[in-house]
Amino acid sequence: MVALDVSGKSFSTEDLAGKIADFRQRGDNLSLLVGGPDGLGAECLTRASERWSLSALTFPHPLVRVVITEQFYRAISIIKGHPYHRS
């Protein structure tokens, strides 16, 4: 489990691709925990193996889903060798 938390680690898209590739290579499933307006509870944060930050800003849930989907799409494209426009 990975907690999306404002105090978590920020990644570039290339770094995220590397993290996803690591999960895939190990055969690990990836579950993302998204908190409410006040963030995640202490128990959720304790159980998570990592904390990732999308931004220091607060986003509504529907926008978080869009941002995560877009970033995972870009990360998987990088993993598959598709040219990334920032490279």
PDB file of N, CA and C in Angstrom:
ATOM      1  N   MET A   1       0.835  -1.179   0.000  1.00  0.00           N
ATOM      2  CA  MET A   1       0.000   0.000   0.000  1.00  0.00           C
ATOM      3  C   MET A   1       0.877   1.239   0.000  1.00  0.00           C
ATOM      4  N   VAL A   2       0.470   2.195  -0.801  1.00  0.00           N
ATOM      5  CA  VAL A   2       1.145   3.485  -0.860  1.00  0.00           C
ATOM      6  C   VAL A   2       0.123   4.552  -0.487  1.00  0.00           C
ATOM      7  N   ALA A   3       0.468   5.357   0.507  1.00  0.00           N
ATOM      8  CA  ALA A   3      -0.408   6.438   0.949  1.00  0.00           C
ATOM      9  C   ALA A   3      -0.077   7.699   0.172  1.00  0.00           C
ATOM     10  N   LEU A   4      -1.089   8.322  -0.405  1.00  0.00           N
ATOM     11  CA  LEU A   4      -0.897   9.631  -1.014  1.00  0.00           C
ATOM     12  C   LEU A   4      -1.048  10.649   0.110  1.00  0.00           C
ATOM     13  N   ASP A   5       0.063  11.318   0.397  1.00  0.00           N
ATOM     14  CA  ASP A   5       0.119  12.186   1.566  1.00  0.00           C
ATOM     15  C   ASP A   5       0.962  13.406   1.246  1.00  0.00           C
ATOM     16  N   VAL A   6       0.518  14.563   1.668  1.00  0.00           N
ATOM     17  CA  VAL A   6       1.214  15.814   1.364  1.00  0.00           C
ATOM     18  C   VAL A   6       2.660  15.785   1.869  1.00  0.00           C
ATOM     19  N   SER A   7       2.925  15.031   2.927  1.00  0.00           N
ATOM     20  CA  SER A   7       4.287  14.967   3.461  1.00  0.00           C
ATOM     21  C   SER A   7       5.117  13.844   2.842  1.00  0.00           C
ATOM     22  N   GLY A   8       4.552  13.156   1.834  1.00  0.00           N
ATOM     23  CA  GLY A   8       5.262  12.061   1.188  1.00  0.00           C
ATOM     24  C   GLY A   8       6.308  12.546   0.207  1.00  0.00           C
ATOM     25  N   LYS A   9       6.939  11.600  -0.457  1.00  0.00           N
ATOM     26  CA  LYS A   9       7.990  11.897  -1.428  1.00  0.00           C
ATOM     27  C   LYS A   9       7.374  12.279  -2.769  1.00  0.00           C
ATOM     28  N   SER A  10       7.912  13.322  -3.369  1.00  0.00           N
ATOM     29  CA  SER A  10       7.476  13.744  -4.706  1.00  0.00           C
ATOM     30  C   SER A  10       8.352  13.080  -5.755  1.00  0.00           C
ATOM     31  N   PHE A  11       7.765  12.769  -6.893  1.00  0.00           N
ATOM     32  CA  PHE A  11       8.486  12.107  -7.978  1.00  0.00           C
ATOM     33  C   PHE A  11       8.273  12.850  -9.287  1.00  0.00           C
ATOM     34  N   SER A  12       9.268  12.801 -10.141  1.00  0.00           N
ATOM     35  CA  SER A  12       9.062  13.196 -11.528  1.00  0.00           C
ATOM     36  C   SER A  12       8.349  12.034 -12.213  1.00  0.00           C
ATOM     37  N   THR A  13       7.863  12.246 -13.412  1.00  0.00           N
ATOM     38  CA  THR A  13       7.201  11.164 -14.132  1.00  0.00           C
ATOM     39  C   THR A  13       8.179  10.023 -14.401  1.00  0.00           C
ATOM     40  N   GLU A  14       9.410  10.358 -14.726  1.00  0.00           N
ATOM     41  CA  GLU A  14      10.425   9.323 -14.959  1.00  0.00           C
ATOM     42  C   GLU A  14      10.698   8.523 -13.687  1.00  0.00           C
ATOM     43  N   ASP A  15      10.759   9.211 -12.544  1.00  0.00           N
ATOM     44  CA  ASP A  15      10.969   8.518 -11.269  1.00  0.00           C
ATOM     45  C   ASP A  15       9.788   7.610 -10.941  1.00  0.00           C
ATOM     46  N   LEU A  16       8.580   8.091 -11.203  1.00  0.00           N
ATOM     47  CA  LEU A  16       7.387   7.282 -10.971  1.00  0.00           C
ATOM     48  C   LEU A  16       7.421   6.031 -11.844  1.00  0.00           C
ATOM     49  N   ALA A  17       7.851   6.181 -13.085  1.00  0.00           N
ATOM     50  CA  ALA A  17       7.984   5.017 -13.979  1.00  0.00           C
ATOM     51  C   ALA A  17       8.940   3.994 -13.371  1.00  0.00           C
ATOM     52  N   GLY A  18      10.026   4.464 -12.803  1.00  0.00           N
ATOM     53  CA  GLY A  18      10.979   3.562 -12.152  1.00  0.00           C
ATOM     54  C   GLY A  18      10.367   2.850 -10.963  1.00  0.00           C
ATOM     55  N   LYS A  19       9.592   3.578 -10.139  1.00  0.00           N
ATOM     56  CA  LYS A  19       8.940   2.960  -8.987  1.00  0.00           C
ATOM     57  C   LYS A  19       7.933   1.894  -9.443  1.00  0.00           C
ATOM     58  N   ILE A  20       7.146   2.217 -10.460  1.00  0.00           N
ATOM     59  CA  ILE A  20       6.162   1.255 -10.967  1.00  0.00           C
ATOM     60  C   ILE A  20       6.869   0.036 -11.549  1.00  0.00           C
ATOM     61  N   ALA A  21       7.939   0.267 -12.278  1.00  0.00           N
ATOM     62  CA  ALA A  21       8.711  -0.852 -12.842  1.00  0.00           C
ATOM     63  C   ALA A  21       9.254  -1.747 -11.732  1.00  0.00           C
ATOM     64  N   ASP A  22       9.696  -1.148 -10.635  1.00  0.00           N
ATOM     65  CA  ASP A  22      10.185  -1.938  -9.494  1.00  0.00           C
ATOM     66  C   ASP A  22       9.069  -2.803  -8.908  1.00  0.00           C
ATOM     67  N   PHE A  23       7.880  -2.212  -8.724  1.00  0.00           N
ATOM     68  CA  PHE A  23       6.744  -2.984  -8.213  1.00  0.00           C
ATOM     69  C   PHE A  23       6.438  -4.149  -9.150  1.00  0.00           C
ATOM     70  N   ARG A  24       6.416  -3.869 -10.439  1.00  0.00           N
ATOM     71  CA  ARG A  24       6.095  -4.905 -11.428  1.00  0.00           C
ATOM     72  C   ARG A  24       7.148  -6.000 -11.434  1.00  0.00           C
ATOM     73  N   GLN A  25       8.419  -5.615 -11.353  1.00  0.00           N
ATOM     74  CA  GLN A  25       9.502  -6.601 -11.394  1.00  0.00           C
ATOM     75  C   GLN A  25       9.443  -7.529 -10.177  1.00  0.00           C
ATOM     76  N   ARG A  26       9.074  -6.979  -9.032  1.00  0.00           N
ATOM     77  CA  ARG A  26       8.962  -7.790  -7.813  1.00  0.00           C
ATOM     78  C   ARG A  26       7.664  -8.592  -7.789  1.00  0.00           C
ATOM     79  N   GLY A  27       6.731  -8.279  -8.686  1.00  0.00           N
ATOM     80  CA  GLY A  27       5.438  -8.960  -8.699  1.00  0.00           C
ATOM     81  C   GLY A  27       4.506  -8.453  -7.617  1.00  0.00           C
ATOM     82  N   ASP A  28       4.780  -7.269  -7.091  1.00  0.00           N
ATOM     83  CA  ASP A  28       3.953  -6.685  -6.040  1.00  0.00           C
ATOM     84  C   ASP A  28       2.745  -5.971  -6.630  1.00  0.00           C
ATOM     85  N   ASN A  29       1.635  -6.061  -5.934  1.00  0.00           N
ATOM     86  CA  ASN A  29       0.466  -5.256  -6.279  1.00  0.00           C
ATOM     87  C   ASN A  29       0.664  -3.864  -5.716  1.00  0.00           C
ATOM     88  N   LEU A  30       0.055  -2.897  -6.345  1.00  0.00           N
ATOM     89  CA  LEU A  30       0.147  -1.518  -5.893  1.00  0.00           C
ATOM     90  C   LEU A  30      -1.253  -1.019  -5.565  1.00  0.00           C
ATOM     91  N   SER A  31      -1.457  -0.641  -4.317  1.00  0.00           N
ATOM     92  CA  SER A  31      -2.722  -0.057  -3.873  1.00  0.00           C
ATOM     93  C   SER A  31      -2.431   1.344  -3.371  1.00  0.00           C
ATOM     94  N   LEU A  32      -3.213   2.302  -3.850  1.00  0.00           N
ATOM     95  CA  LEU A  32      -3.036   3.692  -3.439  1.00  0.00           C
ATOM     96  C   LEU A  32      -4.124   4.068  -2.447  1.00  0.00           C
ATOM     97  N   LEU A  33      -3.731   4.706  -1.363  1.00  0.00           N
ATOM     98  CA  LEU A  33      -4.669   5.205  -0.365  1.00  0.00           C
ATOM     99  C   LEU A  33      -4.809   6.705  -0.545  1.00  0.00           C
ATOM    100  N   VAL A  34      -6.038   7.158  -0.756  1.00  0.00           N
ATOM    101  CA  VAL A  34      -6.322   8.576  -0.932  1.00  0.00           C
ATOM    102  C   VAL A  34      -7.159   9.029   0.257  1.00  0.00           C
ATOM    103  N   GLY A  35      -6.705  10.061   0.933  1.00  0.00           N
ATOM    104  CA  GLY A  35      -7.401  10.548   2.115  1.00  0.00           C
ATOM    105  C   GLY A  35      -8.472  11.561   1.780  1.00  0.00           C
ATOM    106  N   GLY A  36      -9.203  11.930   2.793  1.00  0.00           N
ATOM    107  CA  GLY A  36     -10.228  12.955   2.669  1.00  0.00           C
ATOM    108  C   GLY A  36      -9.621  14.338   2.831  1.00  0.00           C
ATOM    109  N   PRO A  37     -10.439  15.336   3.059  1.00  0.00           N
ATOM    110  CA  PRO A  37      -9.958  16.715   3.178  1.00  0.00           C
ATOM    111  C   PRO A  37      -8.924  16.901   4.295  1.00  0.00           C
ATOM    112  N   ASP A  38      -9.000  16.046   5.322  1.00  0.00           N
ATOM    113  CA  ASP A  38      -8.047  16.138   6.430  1.00  0.00           C
ATOM    114  C   ASP A  38      -6.908  15.134   6.301  1.00  0.00           C
ATOM    115  N   GLY A  39      -6.800  14.502   5.150  1.00  0.00           N
ATOM    116  CA  GLY A  39      -5.731  13.529   4.938  1.00  0.00           C
ATOM    117  C   GLY A  39      -6.116  12.149   5.435  1.00  0.00           C
ATOM    118  N   LEU A  40      -5.121  11.282   5.519  1.00  0.00           N
ATOM    119  CA  LEU A  40      -5.334   9.913   5.981  1.00  0.00           C
ATOM    120  C   LEU A  40      -5.124   9.835   7.482  1.00  0.00           C
ATOM    121  N   GLY A  41      -5.803   8.889   8.101  1.00  0.00           N
ATOM    122  CA  GLY A  41      -5.628   8.662   9.529  1.00  0.00           C
ATOM    123  C   GLY A  41      -4.272   8.044   9.835  1.00  0.00           C
ATOM    124  N   ALA A  42      -3.878   8.132  11.082  1.00  0.00           N
ATOM    125  CA  ALA A  42      -2.574   7.624  11.516  1.00  0.00           C
ATOM    126  C   ALA A  42      -2.420   6.132  11.227  1.00  0.00           C
ATOM    127  N   GLU A  43      -3.487   5.349  11.401  1.00  0.00           N
ATOM    128  CA  GLU A  43      -3.412   3.902  11.156  1.00  0.00           C
ATOM    129  C   GLU A  43      -3.114   3.613   9.681  1.00  0.00           C
ATOM    130  N   CYS A  44      -3.757   4.339   8.788  1.00  0.00           N
ATOM    131  CA  CYS A  44      -3.503   4.157   7.348  1.00  0.00           C
ATOM    132  C   CYS A  44      -2.059   4.518   7.007  1.00  0.00           C
ATOM    133  N   LEU A  45      -1.592   5.618   7.542  1.00  0.00           N
ATOM    134  CA  LEU A  45      -0.221   6.046   7.258  1.00  0.00           C
ATOM    135  C   LEU A  45       0.794   5.051   7.810  1.00  0.00           C
ATOM    136  N   THR A  46       0.503   4.470   8.962  1.00  0.00           N
ATOM    137  CA  THR A  46       1.401   3.482   9.567  1.00  0.00           C
ATOM    138  C   THR A  46       1.445   2.198   8.749  1.00  0.00           C
ATOM    139  N   ARG A  47       0.306   1.782   8.227  1.00  0.00           N
ATOM    140  CA  ARG A  47       0.236   0.527   7.462  1.00  0.00           C
ATOM    141  C   ARG A  47       0.829   0.646   6.061  1.00  0.00           C
ATOM    142  N   ALA A  48       0.895   1.847   5.536  1.00  0.00           N
ATOM    143  CA  ALA A  48       1.419   2.040   4.176  1.00  0.00           C
ATOM    144  C   ALA A  48       2.925   1.782   4.158  1.00  0.00           C
ATOM    145  N   SER A  49       3.379   1.152   3.088  1.00  0.00           N
ATOM    146  CA  SER A  49       4.815   0.885   2.964  1.00  0.00           C
ATOM    147  C   SER A  49       5.579   2.109   2.491  1.00  0.00           C
ATOM    148  N   GLU A  50       4.871   3.026   1.808  1.00  0.00           N
ATOM    149  CA  GLU A  50       5.493   4.251   1.311  1.00  0.00           C
ATOM    150  C   GLU A  50       4.465   5.371   1.343  1.00  0.00           C
ATOM    151  N   ARG A  51       4.977   6.597   1.307  1.00  0.00           N
ATOM    152  CA  ARG A  51       4.122   7.777   1.196  1.00  0.00           C
ATOM    153  C   ARG A  51       4.583   8.574  -0.016  1.00  0.00           C
ATOM    154  N   TRP A  52       3.641   8.839  -0.908  1.00  0.00           N
ATOM    155  CA  TRP A  52       3.923   9.641  -2.095  1.00  0.00           C
ATOM    156  C   TRP A  52       3.105  10.914  -2.035  1.00  0.00           C
ATOM    157  N   SER A  53       3.683  11.998  -2.528  1.00  0.00           N
ATOM    158  CA  SER A  53       2.973  13.267  -2.593  1.00  0.00           C
ATOM    159  C   SER A  53       2.751  13.656  -4.047  1.00  0.00           C
ATOM    160  N   LEU A  54       1.524  14.014  -4.373  1.00  0.00           N
ATOM    161  CA  LEU A  54       1.237  14.547  -5.705  1.00  0.00           C
ATOM    162  C   LEU A  54       1.603  16.020  -5.770  1.00  0.00           C
ATOM    163  N   SER A  55       1.446  16.711  -4.634  1.00  0.00           N
ATOM    164  CA  SER A  55       1.672  18.150  -4.585  1.00  0.00           C
ATOM    165  C   SER A  55       1.497  18.603  -3.144  1.00  0.00           C
ATOM    166  N   ALA A  56       1.971  19.793  -2.855  1.00  0.00           N
ATOM    167  CA  ALA A  56       1.711  20.392  -1.549  1.00  0.00           C
ATOM    168  C   ALA A  56       0.294  20.964  -1.498  1.00  0.00           C
ATOM    169  N   LEU A  57      -0.363  21.013  -2.650  1.00  0.00           N
ATOM    170  CA  LEU A  57      -1.730  21.519  -2.729  1.00  0.00           C
ATOM    171  C   LEU A  57      -2.729  20.435  -2.338  1.00  0.00           C
ATOM    172  N   THR A  58      -3.933  20.836  -1.975  1.00  0.00           N
ATOM    173  CA  THR A  58      -5.021  19.910  -1.688  1.00  0.00           C
ATOM    174  C   THR A  58      -5.910  19.820  -2.923  1.00  0.00           C
ATOM    175  N   PHE A  59      -6.214  18.575  -3.353  1.00  0.00           N
ATOM    176  CA  PHE A  59      -7.038  18.356  -4.534  1.00  0.00           C
ATOM    177  C   PHE A  59      -8.313  17.612  -4.160  1.00  0.00           C
ATOM    178  N   PRO A  60      -9.414  17.857  -4.862  1.00  0.00           N
ATOM    179  CA  PRO A  60     -10.617  17.044  -4.662  1.00  0.00           C
ATOM    180  C   PRO A  60     -10.399  15.640  -5.239  1.00  0.00           C
ATOM    181  N   HIS A  61     -11.109  14.664  -4.672  1.00  0.00           N
ATOM    182  CA  HIS A  61     -10.943  13.269  -5.105  1.00  0.00           C
ATOM    183  C   HIS A  61     -11.055  13.065  -6.608  1.00  0.00           C
ATOM    184  N   PRO A  62     -12.058  13.649  -7.276  1.00  0.00           N
ATOM    185  CA  PRO A  62     -12.140  13.416  -8.727  1.00  0.00           C
ATOM    186  C   PRO A  62     -10.890  13.894  -9.474  1.00  0.00           C
ATOM    187  N   LEU A  63     -10.307  14.973  -9.037  1.00  0.00           N
ATOM    188  CA  LEU A  63      -9.099  15.466  -9.696  1.00  0.00           C
ATOM    189  C   LEU A  63      -7.900  14.559  -9.400  1.00  0.00           C
ATOM    190  N   VAL A  64      -7.816  14.046  -8.189  1.00  0.00           N
ATOM    191  CA  VAL A  64      -6.731  13.111  -7.843  1.00  0.00           C
ATOM    192  C   VAL A  64      -6.788  11.897  -8.759  1.00  0.00           C
ATOM    193  N   ARG A  65      -7.984  11.384  -9.003  1.00  0.00           N
ATOM    194  CA  ARG A  65      -8.116  10.216  -9.889  1.00  0.00           C
ATOM    195  C   ARG A  65      -7.622  10.528 -11.294  1.00  0.00           C
ATOM    196  N   VAL A  66      -7.936  11.717 -11.783  1.00  0.00           N
ATOM    197  CA  VAL A  66      -7.483  12.114 -13.126  1.00  0.00           C
ATOM    198  C   VAL A  66      -5.962  12.256 -13.149  1.00  0.00           C
ATOM    199  N   VAL A  67      -5.397  12.923 -12.156  1.00  0.00           N
ATOM    200  CA  VAL A  67      -3.944  13.129 -12.110  1.00  0.00           C
ATOM    201  C   VAL A  67      -3.215  11.793 -12.011  1.00  0.00           C
ATOM    202  N   ILE A  68      -3.674  10.909 -11.144  1.00  0.00           N
ATOM    203  CA  ILE A  68      -3.042   9.592 -10.994  1.00  0.00           C
ATOM    204  C   ILE A  68      -3.148   8.795 -12.291  1.00  0.00           C
ATOM    205  N   THR A  69      -4.313   8.798 -12.906  1.00  0.00           N
ATOM    206  CA  THR A  69      -4.492   8.061 -14.160  1.00  0.00           C
ATOM    207  C   THR A  69      -3.553   8.581 -15.236  1.00  0.00           C
ATOM    208  N   GLU A  70      -3.465   9.887 -15.378  1.00  0.00           N
ATOM    209  CA  GLU A  70      -2.574  10.482 -16.378  1.00  0.00           C
ATOM    210  C   GLU A  70      -1.112  10.140 -16.096  1.00  0.00           C
ATOM    211  N   GLN A  71      -0.698  10.251 -14.859  1.00  0.00           N
ATOM    212  CA  GLN A  71       0.694   9.978 -14.527  1.00  0.00           C
ATOM    213  C   GLN A  71       1.037   8.498 -14.696  1.00  0.00           C
ATOM    214  N   PHE A  72       0.104   7.616 -14.353  1.00  0.00           N
ATOM    215  CA  PHE A  72       0.358   6.194 -14.568  1.00  0.00           C
ATOM    216  C   PHE A  72       0.407   5.879 -16.059  1.00  0.00           C
ATOM    217  N   TYR A  73      -0.447   6.500 -16.841  1.00  0.00           N
ATOM    218  CA  TYR A  73      -0.395   6.320 -18.297  1.00  0.00           C
ATOM    219  C   TYR A  73       0.973   6.742 -18.826  1.00  0.00           C
ATOM    220  N   ARG A  74       1.440   7.907 -18.417  1.00  0.00           N
ATOM    221  CA  ARG A  74       2.752   8.379 -18.867  1.00  0.00           C
ATOM    222  C   ARG A  74       3.868   7.454 -18.392  1.00  0.00           C
ATOM    223  N   ALA A  75       3.782   7.024 -17.129  1.00  0.00           N
ATOM    224  CA  ALA A  75       4.819   6.141 -16.585  1.00  0.00           C
ATOM    225  C   ALA A  75       4.870   4.816 -17.341  1.00  0.00           C
ATOM    226  N   ILE A  76       3.720   4.221 -17.611  1.00  0.00           N
ATOM    227  CA  ILE A  76       3.690   2.949 -18.350  1.00  0.00           C
ATOM    228  C   ILE A  76       4.201   3.155 -19.773  1.00  0.00           C
ATOM    229  N   SER A  77       3.888   4.300 -20.383  1.00  0.00           N
ATOM    230  CA  SER A  77       4.411   4.604 -21.718  1.00  0.00           C
ATOM    231  C   SER A  77       5.929   4.648 -21.695  1.00  0.00           C
ATOM    232  N   ILE A  78       6.505   5.249 -20.662  1.00  0.00           N
ATOM    233  CA  ILE A  78       7.970   5.300 -20.528  1.00  0.00           C
ATOM    234  C   ILE A  78       8.525   3.896 -20.365  1.00  0.00           C
ATOM    235  N   ILE A  79       7.898   3.083 -19.506  1.00  0.00           N
ATOM    236  CA  ILE A  79       8.360   1.712 -19.269  1.00  0.00           C
ATOM    237  C   ILE A  79       8.351   0.914 -20.567  1.00  0.00           C
ATOM    238  N   LYS A  80       7.341   1.142 -21.411  1.00  0.00           N
ATOM    239  CA  LYS A  80       7.226   0.409 -22.685  1.00  0.00           C
ATOM    240  C   LYS A  80       8.126   0.976 -23.777  1.00  0.00           C
ATOM    241  N   GLY A  81       8.884   2.037 -23.450  1.00  0.00           N
ATOM    242  CA  GLY A  81       9.824   2.574 -24.416  1.00  0.00           C
ATOM    243  C   GLY A  81       9.263   3.648 -25.340  1.00  0.00           C
ATOM    244  N   HIS A  82       8.041   4.079 -25.089  1.00  0.00           N
ATOM    245  CA  HIS A  82       7.461   5.146 -25.906  1.00  0.00           C
ATOM    246  C   HIS A  82       8.182   6.452 -25.567  1.00  0.00           C
ATOM    247  N   PRO A  83       8.510   7.248 -26.561  1.00  0.00           N
ATOM    248  CA  PRO A  83       9.219   8.503 -26.266  1.00  0.00           C
ATOM    249  C   PRO A  83       8.386   9.413 -25.351  1.00  0.00           C
ATOM    250  N   TYR A  84       9.041  10.002 -24.398  1.00  0.00           N
ATOM    251  CA  TYR A  84       8.394  10.913 -23.472  1.00  0.00           C
ATOM    252  C   TYR A  84       8.759  12.336 -23.879  1.00  0.00           C
ATOM    253  N   HIS A  85       7.796  13.219 -23.955  1.00  0.00           N
ATOM    254  CA  HIS A  85       8.030  14.530 -24.522  1.00  0.00           C
ATOM    255  C   HIS A  85       9.013  15.372 -23.727  1.00  0.00           C
ATOM    256  N   ARG A  86       9.292  15.014 -22.485  1.00  0.00           N
ATOM    257  CA  ARG A  86      10.233  15.789 -21.654  1.00  0.00           C
ATOM    258  C   ARG A  86      11.665  15.271 -21.766  1.00  0.00           C
ATOM    259  N   SER A  87      11.846  14.126 -22.345  1.00  0.00           N
ATOM    260  CA  SER A  87      13.189  13.532 -22.414  1.00  0.00           C
ATOM    261  C   SER A  87      14.030  14.159 -23.490  1.00  0.00           C
TER     262      SER A  87
END
